[in-house]
Amino acid sequence: MKAFITMHTLKSKSQEIRSIRSSIFRTRLTTKNREELTLAVNLVAAIQGVSPDEILNHSSRQAHIALARQLAMYMTHVALGNTLTKTGQLFRRDRTTVSHACARIEDMRDDPEFDHALTALEYVLNFAADNHCYNNKQAAQ
């Protein structure tokens, strides 16, 4: 009987944890957030030679896809100015995962060629985001 109660308690705790996790990652994306995420993911996907779906897929742990995902998180946080928490919500990851991704990309910036390429990528993303938002404002008027 004690084993049954323990098993029942464990199942209840497991369901409670799943419920908390899903509520943590549930976020309302504004149109601006969705557009910025799409721009960052599409740009990184095109440069890295992977699909946007692979970047946003949670189960893919292949090295080249993980690097593309980390780069997209970095661009969303650093270039677009989203907080670690907001970036995590956009990618359905924890903020500490985003922090790790940003630290990894920052370490890679020690290579001058990579740093130069990333600076150009940041410029392109900011330009695209600014013009995309500007075009949407004009269309709304």
N, C-alpha and C. Protein backbone atom coordinates (compact mmCIF):
# COMPACT_ATOMS: atom_id res chain seq x y z
N MET A 1 0.82 -1.19 0.00
CA MET A 1 0.00 0.00 0.00
C MET A 1 0.87 1.26 0.00
N LYS A 2 1.96 1.24 0.77
CA LYS A 2 2.85 2.39 0.84
C LYS A 2 3.49 2.66 -0.52
N ALA A 3 3.85 1.59 -1.24
CA ALA A 3 4.43 1.74 -2.57
C ALA A 3 3.43 2.39 -3.52
N PHE A 4 2.14 2.04 -3.44
CA PHE A 4 1.11 2.62 -4.28
C PHE A 4 0.98 4.12 -4.01
N ILE A 5 0.99 4.50 -2.75
CA ILE A 5 0.87 5.91 -2.38
C ILE A 5 2.08 6.69 -2.89
N THR A 6 3.27 6.10 -2.77
CA THR A 6 4.48 6.75 -3.27
C THR A 6 4.42 6.93 -4.77
N MET A 7 3.99 5.87 -5.50
CA MET A 7 3.86 5.95 -6.95
C MET A 7 2.84 7.01 -7.35
N HIS A 8 1.72 7.05 -6.65
CA HIS A 8 0.69 8.04 -6.96
C HIS A 8 1.22 9.46 -6.71
N THR A 9 1.96 9.65 -5.64
CA THR A 9 2.53 10.95 -5.32
C THR A 9 3.53 11.37 -6.39
N LEU A 10 4.37 10.43 -6.84
CA LEU A 10 5.35 10.73 -7.88
C LEU A 10 4.67 11.12 -9.19
N LYS A 11 3.59 10.41 -9.55
CA LYS A 11 2.87 10.76 -10.77
C LYS A 11 2.26 12.14 -10.66
N SER A 12 1.71 12.48 -9.51
CA SER A 12 1.12 13.80 -9.30
C SER A 12 2.19 14.89 -9.41
N LYS A 13 3.34 14.65 -8.79
CA LYS A 13 4.44 15.62 -8.85
C LYS A 13 4.93 15.78 -10.28
N SER A 14 5.02 14.68 -11.01
CA SER A 14 5.46 14.72 -12.40
C SER A 14 4.50 15.55 -13.24
N GLN A 15 3.21 15.36 -13.07
CA GLN A 15 2.21 16.14 -13.80
C GLN A 15 2.29 17.61 -13.42
N GLU A 16 2.53 17.88 -12.14
CA GLU A 16 2.63 19.26 -11.67
C GLU A 16 3.84 19.95 -12.30
N ILE A 17 4.95 19.24 -12.36
CA ILE A 17 6.17 19.79 -12.96
C ILE A 17 5.95 20.08 -14.44
N ARG A 18 5.31 19.14 -15.17
CA ARG A 18 5.02 19.37 -16.59
C ARG A 18 4.14 20.59 -16.79
N SER A 19 3.16 20.77 -15.92
CA SER A 19 2.26 21.91 -16.01
C SER A 19 3.01 23.21 -15.79
N ILE A 20 3.91 23.22 -14.82
CA ILE A 20 4.70 24.42 -14.54
C ILE A 20 5.61 24.72 -15.72
N ARG A 21 6.27 23.70 -16.27
CA ARG A 21 7.15 23.90 -17.41
C ARG A 21 6.40 24.50 -18.59
N SER A 22 5.23 23.95 -18.89
CA SER A 22 4.50 24.45 -20.04
C SER A 22 4.04 25.89 -19.83
N SER A 23 3.72 26.26 -18.60
CA SER A 23 3.30 27.65 -18.35
C SER A 23 4.49 28.59 -18.41
N ILE A 24 5.68 28.11 -18.04
CA ILE A 24 6.88 28.94 -18.12
C ILE A 24 7.17 29.28 -19.58
N PHE A 25 7.07 28.29 -20.45
CA PHE A 25 7.42 28.51 -21.85
C PHE A 25 6.29 29.09 -22.68
N ARG A 26 5.10 29.15 -22.12
CA ARG A 26 3.97 29.73 -22.85
C ARG A 26 4.12 31.24 -22.81
N THR A 27 4.14 31.85 -23.94
CA THR A 27 4.28 33.29 -23.99
C THR A 27 3.44 33.85 -25.12
N ARG A 28 3.00 35.05 -24.93
CA ARG A 28 2.26 35.72 -25.98
C ARG A 28 3.27 36.48 -26.82
N LEU A 29 3.36 36.11 -28.08
CA LEU A 29 4.27 36.80 -28.97
C LEU A 29 3.56 37.98 -29.59
N THR A 30 4.15 39.15 -29.45
CA THR A 30 3.61 40.30 -30.16
C THR A 30 4.00 40.15 -31.62
N THR A 31 3.37 40.92 -32.46
CA THR A 31 3.69 40.87 -33.89
C THR A 31 5.15 41.24 -34.10
N LYS A 32 5.63 42.25 -33.36
CA LYS A 32 7.03 42.66 -33.48
C LYS A 32 7.96 41.53 -33.08
N ASN A 33 7.68 40.86 -31.95
CA ASN A 33 8.52 39.74 -31.51
C ASN A 33 8.55 38.63 -32.56
N ARG A 34 7.39 38.31 -33.09
CA ARG A 34 7.29 37.24 -34.09
C ARG A 34 8.08 37.61 -35.35
N GLU A 35 7.97 38.86 -35.78
CA GLU A 35 8.69 39.31 -36.97
C GLU A 35 10.20 39.30 -36.74
N GLU A 36 10.63 39.78 -35.57
CA GLU A 36 12.06 39.79 -35.26
C GLU A 36 12.62 38.38 -35.18
N LEU A 37 11.88 37.49 -34.54
CA LEU A 37 12.31 36.10 -34.45
C LEU A 37 12.43 35.49 -35.84
N THR A 38 11.43 35.73 -36.67
CA THR A 38 11.44 35.20 -38.04
C THR A 38 12.63 35.73 -38.82
N LEU A 39 12.89 37.04 -38.71
CA LEU A 39 14.03 37.62 -39.41
C LEU A 39 15.35 37.00 -38.95
N ALA A 40 15.55 36.92 -37.63
CA ALA A 40 16.80 36.37 -37.09
C ALA A 40 16.98 34.91 -37.50
N VAL A 41 15.95 34.12 -37.33
CA VAL A 41 16.05 32.69 -37.64
C VAL A 41 16.27 32.47 -39.13
N ASN A 42 15.53 33.18 -39.98
CA ASN A 42 15.69 33.01 -41.43
C ASN A 42 17.07 33.45 -41.90
N LEU A 43 17.58 34.54 -41.35
CA LEU A 43 18.90 35.02 -41.74
C LEU A 43 19.99 34.03 -41.33
N VAL A 44 19.94 33.57 -40.09
CA VAL A 44 20.94 32.60 -39.62
C VAL A 44 20.80 31.29 -40.38
N ALA A 45 19.59 30.85 -40.63
CA ALA A 45 19.37 29.60 -41.36
C ALA A 45 19.98 29.67 -42.76
N ALA A 46 19.78 30.79 -43.44
CA ALA A 46 20.33 30.94 -44.80
C ALA A 46 21.85 30.93 -44.78
N ILE A 47 22.44 31.59 -43.80
CA ILE A 47 23.91 31.66 -43.73
C ILE A 47 24.51 30.34 -43.29
N GLN A 48 23.86 29.63 -42.38
CA GLN A 48 24.39 28.39 -41.85
C GLN A 48 24.01 27.16 -42.69
N GLY A 49 23.12 27.33 -43.64
CA GLY A 49 22.74 26.21 -44.50
C GLY A 49 21.83 25.19 -43.84
N VAL A 50 20.98 25.65 -42.94
CA VAL A 50 19.99 24.78 -42.30
C VAL A 50 18.62 25.41 -42.50
N SER A 51 17.57 24.67 -42.21
CA SER A 51 16.23 25.23 -42.35
C SER A 51 15.82 25.93 -41.06
N PRO A 52 14.94 26.92 -41.17
CA PRO A 52 14.44 27.58 -39.95
C PRO A 52 13.77 26.59 -38.99
N ASP A 53 13.09 25.58 -39.54
CA ASP A 53 12.45 24.57 -38.69
C ASP A 53 13.48 23.81 -37.86
N GLU A 54 14.64 23.54 -38.45
CA GLU A 54 15.68 22.83 -37.70
C GLU A 54 16.20 23.68 -36.54
N ILE A 55 16.30 24.98 -36.75
CA ILE A 55 16.77 25.87 -35.68
C ILE A 55 15.76 25.89 -34.54
N LEU A 56 14.48 25.93 -34.87
CA LEU A 56 13.45 26.03 -33.85
C LEU A 56 13.04 24.68 -33.26
N ASN A 57 13.52 23.58 -33.86
CA ASN A 57 13.19 22.24 -33.38
C ASN A 57 13.90 21.98 -32.05
N HIS A 58 13.17 21.45 -31.10
CA HIS A 58 13.74 21.23 -29.77
C HIS A 58 14.54 19.95 -29.65
N SER A 59 14.31 19.02 -30.54
CA SER A 59 14.94 17.71 -30.36
C SER A 59 16.25 17.57 -31.12
N SER A 60 16.57 18.52 -31.98
CA SER A 60 17.77 18.38 -32.79
C SER A 60 19.00 18.79 -31.98
N ARG A 61 19.94 17.85 -31.87
CA ARG A 61 21.17 18.12 -31.12
C ARG A 61 22.41 17.99 -32.00
N GLN A 62 22.20 17.98 -33.31
CA GLN A 62 23.35 17.92 -34.20
C GLN A 62 24.16 19.20 -34.04
N ALA A 63 25.47 19.07 -34.07
CA ALA A 63 26.35 20.19 -33.75
C ALA A 63 26.11 21.41 -34.63
N HIS A 64 26.00 21.22 -35.94
CA HIS A 64 25.83 22.38 -36.82
C HIS A 64 24.48 23.06 -36.62
N ILE A 65 23.46 22.29 -36.26
CA ILE A 65 22.14 22.87 -36.00
C ILE A 65 22.13 23.58 -34.64
N ALA A 66 22.78 22.97 -33.66
CA ALA A 66 22.87 23.60 -32.33
C ALA A 66 23.62 24.93 -32.42
N LEU A 67 24.69 24.97 -33.22
CA LEU A 67 25.44 26.21 -33.39
C LEU A 67 24.57 27.27 -34.07
N ALA A 68 23.81 26.87 -35.08
CA ALA A 68 22.91 27.82 -35.75
C ALA A 68 21.86 28.34 -34.78
N ARG A 69 21.32 27.47 -33.94
CA ARG A 69 20.33 27.89 -32.93
C ARG A 69 20.96 28.87 -31.94
N GLN A 70 22.18 28.57 -31.49
CA GLN A 70 22.86 29.46 -30.55
C GLN A 70 23.14 30.81 -31.19
N LEU A 71 23.51 30.80 -32.45
CA LEU A 71 23.76 32.04 -33.17
C LEU A 71 22.48 32.86 -33.31
N ALA A 72 21.37 32.20 -33.60
CA ALA A 72 20.08 32.89 -33.71
C ALA A 72 19.67 33.48 -32.37
N MET A 73 19.90 32.73 -31.28
CA MET A 73 19.60 33.26 -29.95
C MET A 73 20.46 34.48 -29.65
N TYR A 74 21.74 34.39 -29.98
CA TYR A 74 22.67 35.50 -29.77
C TYR A 74 22.19 36.73 -30.53
N MET A 75 21.84 36.56 -31.79
CA MET A 75 21.40 37.69 -32.61
C MET A 75 20.11 38.30 -32.05
N THR A 76 19.20 37.46 -31.59
CA THR A 76 17.94 37.95 -31.04
C THR A 76 18.19 38.74 -29.76
N HIS A 77 19.13 38.27 -28.95
CA HIS A 77 19.43 38.96 -27.69
C HIS A 77 20.28 40.20 -27.91
N VAL A 78 21.41 40.05 -28.59
CA VAL A 78 22.38 41.14 -28.70
C VAL A 78 21.99 42.14 -29.78
N ALA A 79 21.76 41.67 -30.98
CA ALA A 79 21.49 42.59 -32.10
C ALA A 79 20.12 43.24 -32.00
N LEU A 80 19.13 42.48 -31.58
CA LEU A 80 17.76 43.01 -31.52
C LEU A 80 17.40 43.56 -30.14
N GLY A 81 18.24 43.30 -29.15
CA GLY A 81 18.06 43.91 -27.84
C GLY A 81 17.00 43.28 -26.95
N ASN A 82 16.63 42.04 -27.21
CA ASN A 82 15.68 41.36 -26.32
C ASN A 82 16.41 40.88 -25.07
N THR A 83 15.70 40.81 -23.96
CA THR A 83 16.30 40.30 -22.72
C THR A 83 16.55 38.80 -22.88
N LEU A 84 17.37 38.26 -21.98
CA LEU A 84 17.61 36.81 -22.00
C LEU A 84 16.30 36.06 -21.78
N THR A 85 15.48 36.56 -20.87
CA THR A 85 14.20 35.90 -20.59
C THR A 85 13.29 35.91 -21.80
N LYS A 86 13.16 37.07 -22.46
CA LYS A 86 12.30 37.18 -23.64
C LYS A 86 12.83 36.31 -24.78
N THR A 87 14.14 36.32 -24.97
CA THR A 87 14.74 35.48 -26.01
C THR A 87 14.47 34.02 -25.72
N GLY A 88 14.60 33.62 -24.47
CA GLY A 88 14.30 32.25 -24.08
C GLY A 88 12.85 31.89 -24.37
N GLN A 89 11.94 32.81 -24.09
CA GLN A 89 10.53 32.56 -24.38
C GLN A 89 10.30 32.41 -25.87
N LEU A 90 10.96 33.25 -26.66
CA LEU A 90 10.79 33.18 -28.11
C LEU A 90 11.26 31.85 -28.69
N PHE A 91 12.35 31.33 -28.12
CA PHE A 91 12.91 30.06 -28.60
C PHE A 91 12.41 28.87 -27.79
N ARG A 92 11.53 29.12 -26.82
CA ARG A 92 11.01 28.09 -25.93
C ARG A 92 12.15 27.36 -25.21
N ARG A 93 13.05 28.18 -24.69
CA ARG A 93 14.18 27.70 -23.91
C ARG A 93 14.26 28.51 -22.62
N ASP A 94 15.03 28.02 -21.67
CA ASP A 94 15.26 28.74 -20.43
C ASP A 94 16.26 29.86 -20.67
N ARG A 95 16.19 30.92 -19.86
CA ARG A 95 17.10 32.05 -20.04
C ARG A 95 18.55 31.65 -19.83
N THR A 96 18.80 30.63 -19.00
CA THR A 96 20.17 30.18 -18.78
C THR A 96 20.74 29.50 -20.04
N THR A 97 19.88 28.87 -20.81
CA THR A 97 20.29 28.28 -22.08
C THR A 97 20.70 29.38 -23.05
N VAL A 98 19.92 30.46 -23.07
CA VAL A 98 20.25 31.61 -23.93
C VAL A 98 21.56 32.23 -23.47
N SER A 99 21.75 32.35 -22.17
CA SER A 99 22.99 32.91 -21.63
C SER A 99 24.19 32.06 -22.05
N HIS A 100 24.04 30.75 -21.99
CA HIS A 100 25.12 29.84 -22.42
C HIS A 100 25.41 30.03 -23.91
N ALA A 101 24.35 30.15 -24.72
CA ALA A 101 24.52 30.34 -26.16
C ALA A 101 25.27 31.64 -26.44
N CYS A 102 24.89 32.71 -25.75
CA CYS A 102 25.53 34.01 -25.95
C CYS A 102 27.00 33.95 -25.52
N ALA A 103 27.28 33.30 -24.42
CA ALA A 103 28.67 33.17 -23.95
C ALA A 103 29.51 32.39 -24.96
N ARG A 104 28.92 31.35 -25.52
CA ARG A 104 29.64 30.52 -26.50
C ARG A 104 29.96 31.33 -27.75
N ILE A 105 28.99 32.10 -28.24
CA ILE A 105 29.22 32.91 -29.43
C ILE A 105 30.22 34.02 -29.12
N GLU A 106 30.14 34.64 -27.95
CA GLU A 106 31.11 35.67 -27.57
C GLU A 106 32.53 35.10 -27.54
N ASP A 107 32.68 33.88 -27.05
CA ASP A 107 34.00 33.24 -27.05
C ASP A 107 34.51 33.04 -28.47
N MET A 108 33.62 32.73 -29.38
CA MET A 108 34.01 32.52 -30.77
C MET A 108 34.41 33.83 -31.45
N ARG A 109 33.99 34.96 -30.89
CA ARG A 109 34.32 36.27 -31.47
C ARG A 109 35.79 36.63 -31.29
N ASP A 110 36.53 35.82 -30.56
CA ASP A 110 37.97 36.05 -30.43
C ASP A 110 38.66 35.88 -31.78
N ASP A 111 38.07 35.11 -32.66
CA ASP A 111 38.58 34.92 -34.02
C ASP A 111 38.19 36.17 -34.83
N PRO A 112 39.18 36.93 -35.34
CA PRO A 112 38.86 38.18 -36.06
C PRO A 112 37.93 37.99 -37.27
N GLU A 113 38.10 36.90 -38.00
CA GLU A 113 37.23 36.66 -39.16
C GLU A 113 35.79 36.42 -38.73
N PHE A 114 35.61 35.62 -37.70
CA PHE A 114 34.26 35.35 -37.19
C PHE A 114 33.64 36.64 -36.64
N ASP A 115 34.44 37.42 -35.93
CA ASP A 115 33.96 38.69 -35.37
C ASP A 115 33.50 39.63 -36.48
N HIS A 116 34.28 39.72 -37.54
CA HIS A 116 33.93 40.59 -38.67
C HIS A 116 32.63 40.11 -39.33
N ALA A 117 32.52 38.80 -39.53
CA ALA A 117 31.30 38.25 -40.15
C ALA A 117 30.08 38.48 -39.27
N LEU A 118 30.26 38.32 -37.96
CA LEU A 118 29.14 38.50 -37.03
C LEU A 118 28.72 39.97 -36.95
N THR A 119 29.69 40.87 -37.01
CA THR A 119 29.37 42.30 -37.02
C THR A 119 28.55 42.65 -38.25
N ALA A 120 28.93 42.10 -39.40
CA ALA A 120 28.17 42.33 -40.63
C ALA A 120 26.76 41.73 -40.51
N LEU A 121 26.67 40.55 -39.93
CA LEU A 121 25.37 39.90 -39.74
C LEU A 121 24.47 40.73 -38.82
N GLU A 122 25.04 41.28 -37.75
CA GLU A 122 24.28 42.15 -36.85
C GLU A 122 23.76 43.37 -37.59
N TYR A 123 24.61 43.95 -38.44
CA TYR A 123 24.21 45.13 -39.22
C TYR A 123 23.05 44.79 -40.16
N VAL A 124 23.17 43.68 -40.86
CA VAL A 124 22.11 43.25 -41.80
C VAL A 124 20.81 43.00 -41.05
N LEU A 125 20.88 42.33 -39.90
CA LEU A 125 19.67 42.03 -39.14
C LEU A 125 19.02 43.31 -38.62
N ASN A 126 19.81 44.22 -38.09
CA ASN A 126 19.26 45.49 -37.61
C ASN A 126 18.63 46.28 -38.75
N PHE A 127 19.30 46.31 -39.89
CA PHE A 127 18.77 47.01 -41.05
C PHE A 127 17.44 46.39 -41.49
N ALA A 128 17.41 45.08 -41.57
CA ALA A 128 16.18 44.38 -41.98
C ALA A 128 15.06 44.62 -40.97
N ALA A 129 15.37 44.55 -39.68
CA ALA A 129 14.34 44.74 -38.65
C ALA A 129 13.81 46.17 -38.68
N ASP A 130 14.71 47.14 -38.82
CA ASP A 130 14.28 48.54 -38.86
C ASP A 130 13.41 48.82 -40.08
N ASN A 131 13.82 48.33 -41.24
CA ASN A 131 13.06 48.58 -42.47
C ASN A 131 11.76 47.79 -42.49
N HIS A 132 11.78 46.59 -41.93
CA HIS A 132 10.56 45.78 -41.89
C HIS A 132 9.52 46.46 -41.00
N CYS A 133 9.95 46.94 -39.83
CA CYS A 133 9.03 47.63 -38.93
C CYS A 133 8.56 48.94 -39.55
N TYR A 134 9.46 49.66 -40.24
CA TYR A 134 9.11 50.91 -40.88
C TYR A 134 8.07 50.68 -41.97
N ASN A 135 8.27 49.63 -42.77
CA ASN A 135 7.32 49.30 -43.84
C ASN A 135 5.97 48.92 -43.26
N ASN A 136 5.94 48.20 -42.16
CA ASN A 136 4.68 47.80 -41.53
C ASN A 136 3.94 49.02 -40.98
N LYS A 137 4.69 50.00 -40.44
CA LYS A 137 4.06 51.21 -39.92
C LYS A 137 3.42 52.00 -41.06
N GLN A 138 4.13 52.08 -42.20
CA GLN A 138 3.59 52.79 -43.35
C GLN A 138 2.34 52.10 -43.87
N ALA A 139 2.35 50.78 -43.91
CA ALA A 139 1.20 50.02 -44.42
C ALA A 139 -0.01 50.19 -43.51
N ALA A 140 0.22 50.36 -42.21
CA ALA A 140 -0.88 50.51 -41.26
C ALA A 140 -1.54 51.88 -41.36
N GLN A 141 -0.79 52.87 -41.88
CA GLN A 141 -1.35 54.22 -41.95
C GLN A 141 -2.24 54.43 -43.12
